[in-house]
Amino acid sequence: MYDTFKNVLKEKGISMYRAALNAGIQPSDIYSAVRGDRKFYDGWKHRISKALEMDPEDVFPDEEDKEVK
């Protein structure tokens, strides 16, 4: 799930933990969302994208949202 997000982090050399902290989000919430245990809220997407200096659409393509349990 959220392969684009994970690939962006890898390309930028940023851990998921660091991305969460930079965006002001609890890392455990991000890990849960990536696993599909919880929704990746739009506010989180915007905050993470801003921290990564990217557009949310480039980090979180819409088709990935349909995979949430």
Protein backbone atom coordinates (compact mmCIF):
# COMPACT_ATOMS: atom_id res chain seq x y z
CA MET A 1 0.00 0.00 0.00
CA TYR A 2 1.04 3.57 -0.68
CA ASP A 3 3.91 2.48 -2.87
CA THR A 4 4.29 5.95 -4.38
CA PHE A 5 4.68 7.48 -0.91
CA LYS A 6 7.27 4.88 0.05
CA ASN A 7 9.16 5.38 -3.21
CA VAL A 8 9.22 9.16 -2.74
CA LEU A 9 10.66 8.72 0.74
CA LYS A 10 13.29 6.31 -0.59
CA GLU A 11 14.26 8.69 -3.42
CA LYS A 12 14.60 11.58 -0.98
CA GLY A 13 16.45 9.48 1.58
CA ILE A 14 13.90 10.23 4.30
CA SER A 15 12.54 7.65 6.72
CA MET A 16 8.83 7.32 7.32
CA TYR A 17 9.52 8.22 10.94
CA ARG A 18 11.30 11.47 9.97
CA ALA A 19 8.59 12.38 7.43
CA ALA A 20 5.93 11.95 10.11
CA LEU A 21 7.82 14.10 12.61
CA ASN A 22 8.51 16.80 10.00
CA ALA A 23 4.78 16.89 9.24
CA GLY A 24 3.78 16.95 12.92
CA ILE A 25 2.08 13.56 12.81
CA GLN A 26 2.60 10.65 15.19
CA PRO A 27 4.82 8.10 13.42
CA SER A 28 2.62 5.23 14.65
CA ASP A 29 -0.34 6.80 12.83
CA ILE A 30 1.61 6.91 9.58
CA TYR A 31 2.77 3.31 9.97
CA SER A 32 -0.84 2.22 10.59
CA ALA A 33 -2.06 4.09 7.51
CA VAL A 34 0.63 2.63 5.28
CA ARG A 35 -0.26 -0.89 6.48
CA GLY A 36 -3.92 -0.18 5.70
CA ASP A 37 -5.08 -0.36 9.31
CA ARG A 38 -6.37 3.21 9.21
CA LYS A 39 -7.21 5.89 6.69
CA PHE A 40 -4.58 8.31 5.41
CA TYR A 41 -6.48 11.50 6.17
CA ASP A 42 -6.39 14.34 3.64
CA GLY A 43 -4.90 16.67 6.23
CA TRP A 44 -2.05 14.24 6.81
CA LYS A 45 -1.44 13.94 3.08
CA HIS A 46 -1.18 17.70 2.75
CA ARG A 47 1.11 18.07 5.76
CA ILE A 48 3.42 15.28 4.62
CA SER A 49 3.48 16.59 1.06
CA LYS A 50 4.32 20.06 2.31
CA ALA A 51 7.15 18.65 4.45
CA LEU A 52 8.43 16.79 1.37
CA GLU A 53 8.01 19.95 -0.76
CA MET A 54 5.81 18.11 -3.26
CA ASP A 55 2.21 18.18 -4.47
CA PRO A 56 -0.10 15.78 -2.62
CA GLU A 57 -1.24 14.25 -5.94
CA ASP A 58 2.35 13.27 -6.71
CA VAL A 59 2.88 11.60 -3.33
CA PHE A 60 -0.57 10.03 -2.87
CA PRO A 61 -2.23 9.02 -6.14
CA ASP A 62 -6.01 8.53 -5.74
CA GLU A 63 -5.99 4.86 -6.70
CA GLU A 64 -3.97 3.97 -3.60
CA ASP A 65 -6.77 5.20 -1.31
CA LYS A 66 -9.04 2.40 -2.50
CA GLU A 67 -6.78 -0.22 -0.90
CA VAL A 68 -7.60 0.67 2.72
CA LYS A 69 -9.13 -2.22 4.69
